[in-house]
Amino acid sequence: MLQLATQHRQMMLALNSFHAIGMTDIAPDLKGPAIGTALRQSRIEHLQAQE
């Protein structure tokens, strides 16, 4: 049960980070794959700050 609760918390943190970081949170001049890279990095940093 503890493992399930831990997994649920990790999933909720990941979802919250996905919703918390959007296009308005990255540099507006990015193009193509750089957009995805910047979003992913910002979401990782947001997740790490939550732990």
N, C-alpha and C. Protein backbone atom coordinates (compact mmCIF):
# COMPACT_ATOMS: atom_id res chain seq x y z
N MET A 1 0.83 -1.19 0.00
CA MET A 1 0.00 0.00 0.00
C MET A 1 0.87 1.25 0.00
N LEU A 2 1.96 1.23 0.76
CA LEU A 2 2.86 2.39 0.81
C LEU A 2 3.47 2.65 -0.57
N GLN A 3 3.82 1.59 -1.28
CA GLN A 3 4.40 1.75 -2.62
C GLN A 3 3.38 2.39 -3.56
N LEU A 4 2.14 1.98 -3.48
CA LEU A 4 1.08 2.56 -4.32
C LEU A 4 0.90 4.04 -3.99
N ALA A 5 0.92 4.39 -2.72
CA ALA A 5 0.79 5.79 -2.32
C ALA A 5 1.97 6.62 -2.82
N THR A 6 3.15 6.05 -2.76
CA THR A 6 4.34 6.75 -3.25
C THR A 6 4.26 6.97 -4.75
N GLN A 7 3.84 5.94 -5.48
CA GLN A 7 3.69 6.07 -6.93
C GLN A 7 2.63 7.11 -7.28
N HIS A 8 1.56 7.13 -6.53
CA HIS A 8 0.49 8.10 -6.77
C HIS A 8 1.01 9.51 -6.55
N ARG A 9 1.77 9.72 -5.50
CA ARG A 9 2.33 11.05 -5.23
C ARG A 9 3.27 11.48 -6.34
N GLN A 10 4.12 10.57 -6.81
CA GLN A 10 5.04 10.90 -7.90
C GLN A 10 4.27 11.26 -9.17
N MET A 11 3.21 10.53 -9.45
CA MET A 11 2.40 10.83 -10.63
C MET A 11 1.72 12.18 -10.51
N MET A 12 1.22 12.49 -9.33
CA MET A 12 0.56 13.78 -9.13
C MET A 12 1.55 14.93 -9.26
N LEU A 13 2.76 14.77 -8.74
CA LEU A 13 3.79 15.80 -8.89
C LEU A 13 4.14 16.00 -10.36
N ALA A 14 4.26 14.91 -11.10
CA ALA A 14 4.57 15.00 -12.52
C ALA A 14 3.46 15.71 -13.29
N LEU A 15 2.22 15.36 -12.99
CA LEU A 15 1.09 16.01 -13.66
C LEU A 15 1.02 17.49 -13.32
N ASN A 16 1.23 17.81 -12.06
CA ASN A 16 1.21 19.22 -11.65
C ASN A 16 2.30 20.01 -12.34
N SER A 17 3.46 19.42 -12.51
CA SER A 17 4.55 20.09 -13.19
C SER A 17 4.22 20.28 -14.67
N PHE A 18 3.55 19.30 -15.26
CA PHE A 18 3.17 19.40 -16.66
C PHE A 18 2.19 20.56 -16.85
N HIS A 19 1.24 20.70 -15.93
CA HIS A 19 0.25 21.77 -16.04
C HIS A 19 0.81 23.12 -15.61
N ALA A 20 1.78 23.13 -14.73
CA ALA A 20 2.32 24.38 -14.21
C ALA A 20 3.24 25.09 -15.20
N ILE A 21 3.87 24.35 -16.08
CA ILE A 21 4.83 24.91 -17.03
C ILE A 21 4.24 24.84 -18.43
N GLY A 22 4.11 25.99 -19.06
CA GLY A 22 3.56 26.03 -20.41
C GLY A 22 4.37 26.93 -21.32
N MET A 23 3.82 27.20 -22.47
CA MET A 23 4.51 28.00 -23.49
C MET A 23 4.88 29.40 -22.99
N THR A 24 4.08 29.94 -22.10
CA THR A 24 4.37 31.29 -21.59
C THR A 24 5.53 31.31 -20.60
N ASP A 25 5.99 30.13 -20.20
CA ASP A 25 7.07 30.03 -19.21
C ASP A 25 8.45 29.81 -19.83
N ILE A 26 8.51 29.80 -21.15
CA ILE A 26 9.80 29.64 -21.82
C ILE A 26 10.05 30.83 -22.73
N ALA A 27 11.26 30.94 -23.22
CA ALA A 27 11.63 32.06 -24.09
C ALA A 27 10.76 32.08 -25.35
N PRO A 28 10.20 33.23 -25.70
CA PRO A 28 9.28 33.31 -26.84
C PRO A 28 9.97 33.16 -28.20
N ASP A 29 11.28 33.29 -28.25
CA ASP A 29 11.98 33.22 -29.54
C ASP A 29 12.42 31.81 -29.91
N LEU A 30 12.09 30.80 -29.11
CA LEU A 30 12.49 29.43 -29.41
C LEU A 30 11.68 28.88 -30.58
N LYS A 31 12.31 28.00 -31.35
CA LYS A 31 11.65 27.40 -32.51
C LYS A 31 11.89 25.89 -32.52
N GLY A 32 10.98 25.17 -33.15
CA GLY A 32 11.13 23.74 -33.38
C GLY A 32 11.41 22.92 -32.13
N PRO A 33 12.37 21.99 -32.24
CA PRO A 33 12.69 21.09 -31.14
C PRO A 33 13.16 21.82 -29.87
N ALA A 34 13.66 23.03 -30.02
CA ALA A 34 14.12 23.78 -28.85
C ALA A 34 12.97 24.08 -27.89
N ILE A 35 11.76 24.19 -28.43
CA ILE A 35 10.58 24.44 -27.59
C ILE A 35 10.36 23.25 -26.66
N GLY A 36 10.35 22.05 -27.23
CA GLY A 36 10.15 20.84 -26.43
C GLY A 36 11.25 20.65 -25.41
N THR A 37 12.47 20.93 -25.81
CA THR A 37 13.60 20.80 -24.89
C THR A 37 13.46 21.76 -23.72
N ALA A 38 13.10 23.01 -24.00
CA ALA A 38 12.95 24.01 -22.95
C ALA A 38 11.79 23.65 -22.02
N LEU A 39 10.68 23.19 -22.58
CA LEU A 39 9.54 22.79 -21.75
C LEU A 39 9.92 21.62 -20.85
N ARG A 40 10.58 20.63 -21.42
CA ARG A 40 10.98 19.45 -20.64
C ARG A 40 11.93 19.85 -19.51
N GLN A 41 12.91 20.70 -19.81
CA GLN A 41 13.87 21.12 -18.79
C GLN A 41 13.18 21.92 -17.69
N SER A 42 12.27 22.82 -18.07
CA SER A 42 11.55 23.61 -17.07
C SER A 42 10.69 22.73 -16.18
N ARG A 43 10.08 21.71 -16.77
CA ARG A 43 9.24 20.80 -15.98
C ARG A 43 10.09 19.95 -15.04
N ILE A 44 11.26 19.53 -15.49
CA ILE A 44 12.18 18.78 -14.62
C ILE A 44 12.60 19.64 -13.43
N GLU A 45 12.96 20.89 -13.72
CA GLU A 45 13.37 21.79 -12.64
C GLU A 45 12.22 22.04 -11.67
N HIS A 46 11.02 22.16 -12.19
CA HIS A 46 9.84 22.35 -11.33
C HIS A 46 9.63 21.13 -10.44
N LEU A 47 9.77 19.95 -11.01
CA LEU A 47 9.63 18.71 -10.23
C LEU A 47 10.68 18.62 -9.13
N GLN A 48 11.92 18.95 -9.46
CA GLN A 48 12.99 18.87 -8.49
C GLN A 48 12.78 19.86 -7.35
N ALA A 49 12.20 20.99 -7.64
CA ALA A 49 11.93 21.99 -6.60
C ALA A 49 10.81 21.52 -5.66
N GLN A 50 9.93 20.62 -6.17
CA GLN A 50 8.81 20.13 -5.37
C GLN A 50 9.22 19.03 -4.40
N GLU A 51 10.33 18.36 -4.69
CA GLU A 51 10.73 17.20 -3.86
C GLU A 51 11.38 17.62 -2.57
